[in-house]
C-alpha atoms as a PDB file:
ATOM      1  CA  MET A   1    -131.110 152.478 -95.477  1.00  0.00           C
ATOM      2  CA  LYS A   2    -129.047 150.617 -96.755  1.00  0.00           C
ATOM      3  CA  LYS A   3    -129.070 148.363 -93.713  1.00  0.00           C
ATOM      4  CA  ILE A   4    -133.330 149.030 -93.788  1.00  0.00           C
ATOM      5  CA  ILE A   5    -133.577 147.737 -97.951  1.00  0.00           C
ATOM      6  CA  ARG A   6    -130.791 144.872 -96.864  1.00  0.00           C
ATOM      7  CA  LEU A   7    -132.879 143.192 -94.820  1.00  0.00           C
ATOM      8  CA  LEU A   8    -135.975 143.939 -96.255  1.00  0.00           C
ATOM      9  CA  LEU A   9    -134.598 142.172 -99.418  1.00  0.00           C
ATOM     10  CA  ASN A  10    -132.962 139.165 -97.333  1.00  0.00           C
ATOM     11  CA  HIS A  11    -135.855 138.848 -95.648  1.00  0.00           C
ATOM     12  CA  ILE A  12    -139.785 139.580 -97.362  1.00  0.00           C
ATOM     13  CA  PRO A  13    -140.349 136.992-100.293  1.00  0.00           C
ATOM     14  CA  ARG A  14    -140.079 138.511-103.621  1.00  0.00           C
ATOM     15  CA  LYS A  15    -143.956 138.595-104.307  1.00  0.00           C
ATOM     16  CA  TYR A  16    -144.653 140.846-100.984  1.00  0.00           C
ATOM     17  CA  LEU A  17    -141.881 143.407-101.858  1.00  0.00           C
ATOM     18  CA  GLN A  18    -143.442 143.638-105.529  1.00  0.00           C
ATOM     19  CA  LEU A  19    -146.512 144.152-104.217  1.00  0.00           C
ATOM     20  CA  PHE A  20    -146.300 146.639-101.141  1.00  0.00           C
ATOM     21  CA  SER A  21    -142.353 147.812-101.667  1.00  0.00           C
ATOM     22  CA  HIS A  22    -143.025 151.021-103.758  1.00  0.00           C
ATOM     23  CA  PHE A  23    -146.012 152.219-102.225  1.00  0.00           C
ATOM     24  CA  VAL A  24    -142.798 152.480 -98.944  1.00  0.00           C
ATOM     25  CA  LEU A  25    -139.909 153.699-101.276  1.00  0.00           C
ATOM     26  CA  ARG A  26    -142.363 156.351-102.827  1.00  0.00           C
ATOM     27  CA  ILE A  27    -142.543 158.327 -99.510  1.00  0.00           C
ATOM     28  CA  SER A  28    -138.851 158.813-100.003  1.00  0.00           C
ATOM     29  CA  SER A  29    -138.640 159.860-103.095  1.00  0.00           C
ATOM     30  CA  ILE A  30    -139.124 163.100-101.387  1.00  0.00           C
ATOM     31  CA  PHE A  31    -136.210 163.091 -99.916  1.00  0.00           C
ATOM     32  CA  TYR A  32    -134.044 162.195-102.492  1.00  0.00           C
ATOM     33  CA  ARG A  33    -135.380 165.591-105.459  1.00  0.00           C
ATOM     34  CA  GLY A  34    -132.686 167.005-106.718  1.00  0.00           C
ATOM     35  CA  HIS A  35    -131.217 167.798-110.280  1.00  0.00           C
ATOM     36  CA  LYS A  36    -127.876 165.764-110.385  1.00  0.00           C
ATOM     37  CA  ILE A  37    -129.714 162.318-111.466  1.00  0.00           C
ATOM     38  CA  GLU A  38    -132.513 161.460-114.105  1.00  0.00           C
ATOM     39  CA  CYS A  39    -134.594 158.313-113.819  1.00  0.00           C
ATOM     40  CA  PRO A  40    -134.629 157.422-118.221  1.00  0.00           C
ATOM     41  CA  VAL A  41    -137.738 155.269-117.137  1.00  0.00           C
ATOM     42  CA  CYS A  42    -139.656 158.150-114.812  1.00  0.00           C
ATOM     43  CA  HIS A  43    -137.836 160.967-116.146  1.00  0.00           C
ATOM     44  CA  HIS A  44    -138.012 162.077-112.616  1.00  0.00           C
ATOM     45  CA  HIS A  45    -135.070 163.774-110.983  1.00  0.00           C
ATOM     46  CA  PHE A  46    -132.770 163.216-107.809  1.00  0.00           C
ATOM     47  CA  ARG A  47    -129.542 164.398-105.621  1.00  0.00           C
ATOM     48  CA  LYS A  48    -128.827 160.616-105.515  1.00  0.00           C
ATOM     49  CA  LEU A  49    -130.743 157.325-105.628  1.00  0.00           C
ATOM     50  CA  LEU A  50    -131.272 154.746-103.044  1.00  0.00           C
ATOM     51  CA  PRO A  51    -128.812 151.965-102.469  1.00  0.00           C
ATOM     52  CA  TYR A  52    -129.555 148.527-103.329  1.00  0.00           C
ATOM     53  CA  GLY A  53    -128.098 145.161-102.406  1.00  0.00           C
ATOM     54  CA  TYR A  54    -128.137 141.869-100.900  1.00  0.00           C
ATOM     55  CA  VAL A  55    -124.965 141.753 -99.272  1.00  0.00           C
ATOM     56  CA  SER A  56    -123.358 145.305-100.113  1.00  0.00           C
ATOM     57  CA  SER A  57    -124.824 148.067-101.450  1.00  0.00           C
ATOM     58  CA  ARG A  58    -124.987 149.544-104.441  1.00  0.00           C
ATOM     59  CA  GLU A  59    -125.198 153.329-104.474  1.00  0.00           C
ATOM     60  CA  ASN A  60    -127.313 155.427-106.938  1.00  0.00           C
ATOM     61  CA  ALA A  61    -128.683 151.963-107.692  1.00  0.00           C
ATOM     62  CA  LEU A  62    -132.695 152.596-107.343  1.00  0.00           C
ATOM     63  CA  CYS A  63    -134.957 154.799-108.670  1.00  0.00           C
ATOM     64  CA  PRO A  64    -137.525 155.395-105.721  1.00  0.00           C
ATOM     65  CA  SER A  65    -139.928 156.849-107.935  1.00  0.00           C
ATOM     66  CA  CYS A  66    -140.628 153.661-110.620  1.00  0.00           C
ATOM     67  CA  LEU A  67    -138.171 150.713-108.560  1.00  0.00           C
ATOM     68  CA  SER A  68    -135.760 150.682-111.918  1.00  0.00           C
ATOM     69  CA  LEU A  69    -132.221 149.911-111.515  1.00  0.00           C
ATOM     70  CA  GLU A  70    -129.157 150.222-113.117  1.00  0.00           C
ATOM     71  CA  ARG A  71    -129.736 147.038-115.384  1.00  0.00           C
ATOM     72  CA  HIS A  72    -133.188 148.590-116.445  1.00  0.00           C
ATOM     73  CA  ARG A  73    -132.142 152.067-116.758  1.00  0.00           C
ATOM     74  CA  GLN A  74    -129.666 150.285-119.499  1.00  0.00           C
ATOM     75  CA  ILE A  75    -132.074 148.434-121.366  1.00  0.00           C
ATOM     76  CA  TRP A  76    -134.758 151.603-121.519  1.00  0.00           C
ATOM     77  CA  LEU A  77    -132.115 153.098-123.430  1.00  0.00           C
ATOM     78  CA  PHE A  78    -131.327 150.156-125.481  1.00  0.00           C
ATOM     79  CA  LEU A  79    -134.435 149.855-126.694  1.00  0.00           C
ATOM     80  CA  ASP A  80    -134.860 153.852-127.026  1.00  0.00           C
ATOM     81  CA  ARG A  81    -131.001 154.512-129.040  1.00  0.00           C
ATOM     82  CA  LYS A  82    -130.487 151.142-130.775  1.00  0.00           C
ATOM     83  CA  THR A  83    -134.754 148.972-131.879  1.00  0.00           C
ATOM     84  CA  GLY A  84    -138.021 150.706-133.106  1.00  0.00           C
ATOM     85  CA  PHE A  85    -139.046 149.398-129.652  1.00  0.00           C
ATOM     86  CA  PHE A  86    -141.734 151.487-128.858  1.00  0.00           C
ATOM     87  CA  HIS A  87    -143.247 151.665-132.105  1.00  0.00           C
ATOM     88  CA  GLN A  88    -142.837 147.993-133.499  1.00  0.00           C
ATOM     89  CA  GLN A  89    -146.413 145.704-133.637  1.00  0.00           C
ATOM     90  CA  GLY A  90    -146.033 142.580-132.541  1.00  0.00           C
ATOM     91  CA  LYS A  91    -146.511 140.288-129.234  1.00  0.00           C
ATOM     92  CA  MET A  92    -143.942 140.307-126.765  1.00  0.00           C
ATOM     93  CA  LEU A  93    -142.951 137.925-124.049  1.00  0.00           C
ATOM     94  CA  HIS A  94    -141.310 139.362-121.171  1.00  0.00           C
ATOM     95  CA  ILE A  95    -140.421 137.167-118.120  1.00  0.00           C
ATOM     96  CA  ALA A  96    -140.401 138.130-114.629  1.00  0.00           C
ATOM     97  CA  PRO A  97    -141.925 141.689-114.844  1.00  0.00           C
ATOM     98  CA  GLU A  98    -140.308 144.583-113.695  1.00  0.00           C
ATOM     99  CA  TYR A  99    -142.388 147.072-111.757  1.00  0.00           C
ATOM    100  CA  CYS A 100    -140.752 149.596-113.431  1.00  0.00           C
ATOM    101  CA  PHE A 101    -141.437 148.577-116.572  1.00  0.00           C
ATOM    102  CA  ILE A 102    -145.239 146.575-116.238  1.00  0.00           C
ATOM    103  CA  LYS A 103    -147.298 149.746-117.320  1.00  0.00           C
ATOM    104  CA  ARG A 104    -145.171 151.405-119.061  1.00  0.00           C
ATOM    105  CA  PHE A 105    -145.363 148.188-121.899  1.00  0.00           C
ATOM    106  CA  GLN A 106    -149.590 147.517-121.290  1.00  0.00           C
ATOM    107  CA  GLN A 107    -149.292 151.310-122.774  1.00  0.00           C
ATOM    108  CA  LEU A 108    -147.934 150.560-125.809  1.00  0.00           C
ATOM    109  CA  THR A 109    -150.754 149.769-127.784  1.00  0.00           C
ATOM    110  CA  GLN A 110    -149.259 148.480-130.595  1.00  0.00           C
ATOM    111  CA  LEU A 111    -147.597 145.635-128.490  1.00  0.00           C
ATOM    112  CA  ASP A 112    -149.490 142.494-127.315  1.00  0.00           C
ATOM    113  CA  TYR A 113    -148.128 142.093-123.678  1.00  0.00           C
ATOM    114  CA  TYR A 114    -147.437 138.949-122.378  1.00  0.00           C
ATOM    115  CA  SER A 115    -145.714 139.179-118.995  1.00  0.00           C
ATOM    116  CA  ALA A 116    -144.489 135.963-117.046  1.00  0.00           C
ATOM    117  CA  ASP A 117    -143.493 134.766-114.019  1.00  0.00           C
ATOM    118  CA  LEU A 118    -144.163 131.350-111.814  1.00  0.00           C
ATOM    119  CA  GLU A 119    -145.132 132.880-109.172  1.00  0.00           C
ATOM    120  CA  SER A 120    -144.751 137.040-108.904  1.00  0.00           C
ATOM    121  CA  PRO A 121    -148.243 138.389-108.314  1.00  0.00           C
ATOM    122  CA  LEU A 122    -147.630 141.177-111.115  1.00  0.00           C
ATOM    123  CA  ALA A 123    -147.509 139.100-113.972  1.00  0.00           C
ATOM    124  CA  ARG A 124    -150.433 138.490-115.950  1.00  0.00           C
ATOM    125  CA  VAL A 125    -149.253 134.024-117.007  1.00  0.00           C
ATOM    126  CA  LYS A 126    -148.104 131.765-113.991  1.00  0.00           C
ATOM    127  CA  MET A 127    -145.292 130.035-116.077  1.00  0.00           C
ATOM    128  CA  ASP A 128    -142.024 128.210-115.593  1.00  0.00           C
ATOM    129  CA  ILE A 129    -139.218 129.682-117.938  1.00  0.00           C
ATOM    130  CA  GLN A 130    -138.019 125.954-118.897  1.00  0.00           C
ATOM    131  CA  ASN A 131    -141.358 124.903-119.776  1.00  0.00           C
ATOM    132  CA  ILE A 132    -143.120 127.595-121.382  1.00  0.00           C
ATOM    133  CA  PRO A 133    -146.747 127.123-122.121  1.00  0.00           C
ATOM    134  CA  PHE A 134    -146.865 128.800-125.797  1.00  0.00           C
ATOM    135  CA  GLU A 135    -146.597 127.118-128.627  1.00  0.00           C
ATOM    136  CA  ASP A 136    -143.381 127.080-131.180  1.00  0.00           C
ATOM    137  CA  ASN A 137    -143.192 130.576-132.770  1.00  0.00           C
ATOM    138  CA  THR A 138    -145.059 132.347-130.861  1.00  0.00           C
ATOM    139  CA  PHE A 139    -143.459 135.730-129.921  1.00  0.00           C
ATOM    140  CA  ASP A 140    -141.479 138.860-131.891  1.00  0.00           C
ATOM    141  CA  MET A 141    -140.064 139.849-129.055  1.00  0.00           C
ATOM    142  CA  VAL A 142    -138.939 138.524-125.207  1.00  0.00           C
ATOM    143  CA  MET A 143    -137.259 139.822-122.517  1.00  0.00           C
ATOM    144  CA  SER A 144    -135.807 138.297-119.947  1.00  0.00           C
ATOM    145  CA  ASN A 145    -133.806 140.238-117.291  1.00  0.00           C
ATOM    146  CA  HIS A 146    -131.264 138.434-114.465  1.00  0.00           C
ATOM    147  CA  ILE A 147    -133.648 134.770-114.534  1.00  0.00           C
ATOM    148  CA  LEU A 148    -131.616 132.448-115.732  1.00  0.00           C
ATOM    149  CA  GLU A 149    -128.443 132.446-113.158  1.00  0.00           C
ATOM    150  CA  HIS A 150    -132.351 131.788-110.956  1.00  0.00           C
ATOM    151  CA  VAL A 151    -133.189 128.270-112.480  1.00  0.00           C
ATOM    152  CA  ASP A 152    -132.035 124.392-112.323  1.00  0.00           C
ATOM    153  CA  ASP A 153    -131.335 123.787-116.050  1.00  0.00           C
ATOM    154  CA  ASP A 154    -130.993 127.612-117.665  1.00  0.00           C
ATOM    155  CA  ARG A 155    -129.780 125.334-120.606  1.00  0.00           C
ATOM    156  CA  LEU A 156    -133.538 124.114-121.103  1.00  0.00           C
ATOM    157  CA  ALA A 157    -134.697 128.197-120.201  1.00  0.00           C
ATOM    158  CA  MET A 158    -132.782 129.452-123.712  1.00  0.00           C
ATOM    159  CA  GLN A 159    -134.377 126.093-125.536  1.00  0.00           C
ATOM    160  CA  GLU A 160    -137.206 127.899-124.495  1.00  0.00           C
ATOM    161  CA  LEU A 161    -137.138 130.757-125.180  1.00  0.00           C
ATOM    162  CA  TYR A 162    -135.641 130.566-128.883  1.00  0.00           C
ATOM    163  CA  ARG A 163    -138.881 128.008-129.241  1.00  0.00           C
ATOM    164  CA  VAL A 164    -141.507 130.039-128.466  1.00  0.00           C
ATOM    165  CA  MET A 165    -139.404 133.085-130.576  1.00  0.00           C
ATOM    166  CA  LYS A 166    -141.135 133.929-134.482  1.00  0.00           C
ATOM    167  CA  PRO A 167    -138.325 133.810-137.016  1.00  0.00           C
ATOM    168  CA  GLY A 168    -137.331 137.305-137.251  1.00  0.00           C
ATOM    169  CA  GLY A 169    -137.782 138.028-133.577  1.00  0.00           C
ATOM    170  CA  TRP A 170    -135.492 139.260-131.039  1.00  0.00           C
ATOM    171  CA  GLY A 171    -134.893 139.528-128.089  1.00  0.00           C
ATOM    172  CA  ILE A 172    -132.617 140.929-124.881  1.00  0.00           C
ATOM    173  CA  ILE A 173    -131.161 137.757-123.176  1.00  0.00           C
ATOM    174  CA  GLN A 174    -129.606 139.313-119.859  1.00  0.00           C
ATOM    175  CA  SER A 175    -127.622 137.482-117.074  1.00  0.00           C
ATOM    176  CA  PRO A 176    -124.469 139.104-114.516  1.00  0.00           C
ATOM    177  CA  VAL A 177    -121.729 138.151-116.037  1.00  0.00           C
ATOM    178  CA  ASN A 178    -118.726 137.895-113.799  1.00  0.00           C
ATOM    179  CA  LEU A 179    -115.908 138.773-117.745  1.00  0.00           C
ATOM    180  CA  ASN A 180    -112.946 137.575-114.938  1.00  0.00           C
ATOM    181  CA  ARG A 181    -114.034 134.306-115.622  1.00  0.00           C
ATOM    182  CA  THR A 182    -113.515 132.655-119.038  1.00  0.00           C
ATOM    183  CA  THR A 183    -116.292 129.703-118.718  1.00  0.00           C
ATOM    184  CA  THR A 184    -119.112 129.822-116.055  1.00  0.00           C
ATOM    185  CA  TYR A 185    -119.312 128.244-112.799  1.00  0.00           C
ATOM    186  CA  GLU A 186    -121.823 125.804-111.365  1.00  0.00           C
ATOM    187  CA  ASP A 187    -121.574 123.194-109.637  1.00  0.00           C
ATOM    188  CA  LYS A 188    -124.901 120.943-108.754  1.00  0.00           C
ATOM    189  CA  SER A 189    -123.755 119.336-105.233  1.00  0.00           C
ATOM    190  CA  ILE A 190    -123.613 123.763-103.648  1.00  0.00           C
ATOM    191  CA  THR A 191    -127.932 123.617-102.895  1.00  0.00           C
ATOM    192  CA  THR A 192    -127.569 125.661 -99.289  1.00  0.00           C
ATOM    193  CA  PRO A 193    -128.281 128.860 -99.336  1.00  0.00           C
ATOM    194  CA  GLU A 194    -125.607 130.219 -97.711  1.00  0.00           C
ATOM    195  CA  GLU A 195    -123.252 127.893-100.079  1.00  0.00           C
ATOM    196  CA  ARG A 196    -124.751 129.494-103.217  1.00  0.00           C
ATOM    197  CA  LEU A 197    -124.304 132.760-101.095  1.00  0.00           C
ATOM    198  CA  ARG A 198    -120.227 131.924-100.874  1.00  0.00           C
ATOM    199  CA  HIS A 199    -120.038 130.331-104.374  1.00  0.00           C
ATOM    200  CA  PHE A 200    -122.439 132.147-106.551  1.00  0.00           C
ATOM    201  CA  GLY A 201    -122.785 135.813-105.037  1.00  0.00           C
ATOM    202  CA  GLN A 202    -126.318 135.243-103.825  1.00  0.00           C
ATOM    203  CA  LYS A 203    -128.610 133.011-102.012  1.00  0.00           C
ATOM    204  CA  ASP A 204    -130.354 131.960-104.822  1.00  0.00           C
ATOM    205  CA  HIS A 205    -128.106 131.914-107.760  1.00  0.00           C
ATOM    206  CA  GLN A 206    -127.239 128.427-109.081  1.00  0.00           C
ATOM    207  CA  ARG A 207    -124.873 129.502-111.254  1.00  0.00           C
ATOM    208  CA  GLU A 208    -121.899 132.868-111.342  1.00  0.00           C
ATOM    209  CA  TYR A 209    -121.587 133.348-115.279  1.00  0.00           C
ATOM    210  CA  GLY A 210    -118.461 133.891-116.673  1.00  0.00           C
ATOM    211  CA  ARG A 211    -117.416 135.050-120.719  1.00  0.00           C
ATOM    212  CA  ASP A 212    -119.383 132.408-122.096  1.00  0.00           C
ATOM    213  CA  TYR A 213    -122.274 133.106-121.373  1.00  0.00           C
ATOM    214  CA  ALA A 214    -123.381 134.076-124.886  1.00  0.00           C
ATOM    215  CA  ASP A 215    -121.821 130.916-126.738  1.00  0.00           C
ATOM    216  CA  ARG A 216    -124.766 129.241-124.721  1.00  0.00           C
ATOM    217  CA  LEU A 217    -127.347 131.261-125.629  1.00  0.00           C
ATOM    218  CA  ARG A 218    -125.486 130.688-129.669  1.00  0.00           C
ATOM    219  CA  THR A 219    -126.312 126.750-128.567  1.00  0.00           C
ATOM    220  CA  ALA A 220    -129.840 127.185-127.875  1.00  0.00           C
ATOM    221  CA  GLY A 221    -130.149 128.526-131.370  1.00  0.00           C
ATOM    222  CA  PHE A 222    -129.664 132.565-130.734  1.00  0.00           C
ATOM    223  CA  GLU A 223    -127.415 135.043-132.857  1.00  0.00           C
ATOM    224  CA  VAL A 224    -126.283 136.631-130.109  1.00  0.00           C
ATOM    225  CA  SER A 225    -124.826 140.069-130.837  1.00  0.00           C
ATOM    226  CA  GLU A 226    -122.914 141.860-127.408  1.00  0.00           C
ATOM    227  CA  ILE A 227    -123.540 145.083-127.539  1.00  0.00           C
ATOM    228  CA  PRO A 228    -121.040 147.505-124.730  1.00  0.00           C
ATOM    229  CA  LEU A 229    -123.316 150.059-123.522  1.00  0.00           C
ATOM    230  CA  ALA A 230    -120.540 152.613-124.045  1.00  0.00           C
ATOM    231  CA  SER A 231    -121.393 152.244-127.715  1.00  0.00           C
ATOM    232  CA  PHE A 232    -124.911 153.767-127.539  1.00  0.00           C
ATOM    233  CA  ILE A 233    -124.355 155.956-124.416  1.00  0.00           C
ATOM    234  CA  ASN A 234    -120.998 158.755-123.585  1.00  0.00           C
ATOM    235  CA  GLU A 235    -119.418 158.811-120.067  1.00  0.00           C
ATOM    236  CA  ASN A 236    -121.504 161.667-119.070  1.00  0.00           C
ATOM    237  CA  GLU A 237    -125.014 160.641-119.645  1.00  0.00           C
ATOM    238  CA  ALA A 238    -123.347 157.336-117.892  1.00  0.00           C
ATOM    239  CA  LEU A 239    -123.678 159.226-114.545  1.00  0.00           C
ATOM    240  CA  LEU A 240    -126.479 161.031-115.466  1.00  0.00           C
ATOM    241  CA  TYR A 241    -128.757 158.388-115.413  1.00  0.00           C
ATOM    242  CA  ALA A 242    -126.773 155.938-112.947  1.00  0.00           C
ATOM    243  CA  LEU A 243    -125.928 153.024-115.520  1.00  0.00           C
ATOM    244  CA  THR A 244    -122.686 152.262-114.239  1.00  0.00           C
ATOM    245  CA  PRO A 245    -120.861 152.606-110.348  1.00  0.00           C
ATOM    246  CA  ASN A 246    -118.581 155.257-112.660  1.00  0.00           C
ATOM    247  CA  ALA A 247    -118.570 155.919-116.590  1.00  0.00           C
ATOM    248  CA  GLU A 248    -115.431 153.703-116.509  1.00  0.00           C
ATOM    249  CA  ALA A 249    -117.455 151.390-116.388  1.00  0.00           C
ATOM    250  CA  ALA A 250    -119.240 152.043-119.317  1.00  0.00           C
ATOM    251  CA  LYS A 251    -116.742 150.196-121.196  1.00  0.00           C
ATOM    252  CA  ASP A 252    -117.466 146.154-119.813  1.00  0.00           C
ATOM    253  CA  THR A 253    -121.143 146.163-119.218  1.00  0.00           C
ATOM    254  CA  ILE A 254    -122.825 144.388-122.109  1.00  0.00           C
ATOM    255  CA  ILE A 255    -126.774 143.992-123.338  1.00  0.00           C
ATOM    256  CA  TYR A 256    -127.238 140.612-124.816  1.00  0.00           C
ATOM    257  CA  PHE A 257    -129.138 140.773-127.883  1.00  0.00           C
ATOM    258  CA  VAL A 258    -130.287 138.377-129.507  1.00  0.00           C
ATOM    259  CA  GLN A 259    -132.052 136.806-132.499  1.00  0.00           C
ATOM    260  CA  LYS A 260    -133.601 133.949-134.748  1.00  0.00           C
ATOM    261  CA  ASN A 261    -132.865 133.986-138.222  1.00  0.00           C
ATOM    262  CA  MET A 262    -135.937 133.671-140.704  1.00  0.00           C
END
């Protein structure tokens, strides 16, 4: 299964994976049923989850029912436990909408939900995050999950997210962060997929963020709270929901919660 998923990730365009992968994986879910792991997004139970990864595969990463990954399950629990998201009225901009979230967010009747992406067939609005086609102060909530490491000008994208957020609004802006790096590593001369894989960890990444990631968001204007996953889940939950490879890793997993001051 590891080799099959890795082959699909590396050779099938993302937009086709988004359209069809859930049909195939739902069939496989029959063989993974059990009671060891629960997905908090879809509430299905499994003996283990599917492996996932472009280069090396992570065990217990991908929910075969809703296609949530660790980061999606982390965000879901954060929204449920640390925000009023599931009851809050307002307008939301969701960049590069994930399959596991779209229908569930659309079902929130109090939410005016806009999904947006440059090429995703799942998105309601086609747009570039570096040039968001909405007026200033439009959205109460913004979510961008593992997108900024892909774009040419991440600082411009951050500024755009800040611009379209209403004063008093909030959001979750996640990116993979290497906490062993003090500063973000990027080099515009590194352009080929092979070089980017070697330097940034994935062939379509343009940088590897370091501990200065939150400061980059602050430079765009946001007030940023770095919230450890371990502050709102316990060790048993980290394992039950397959949020991290092990309970200890929850201490180094951060939710980047942003706000725009009034």
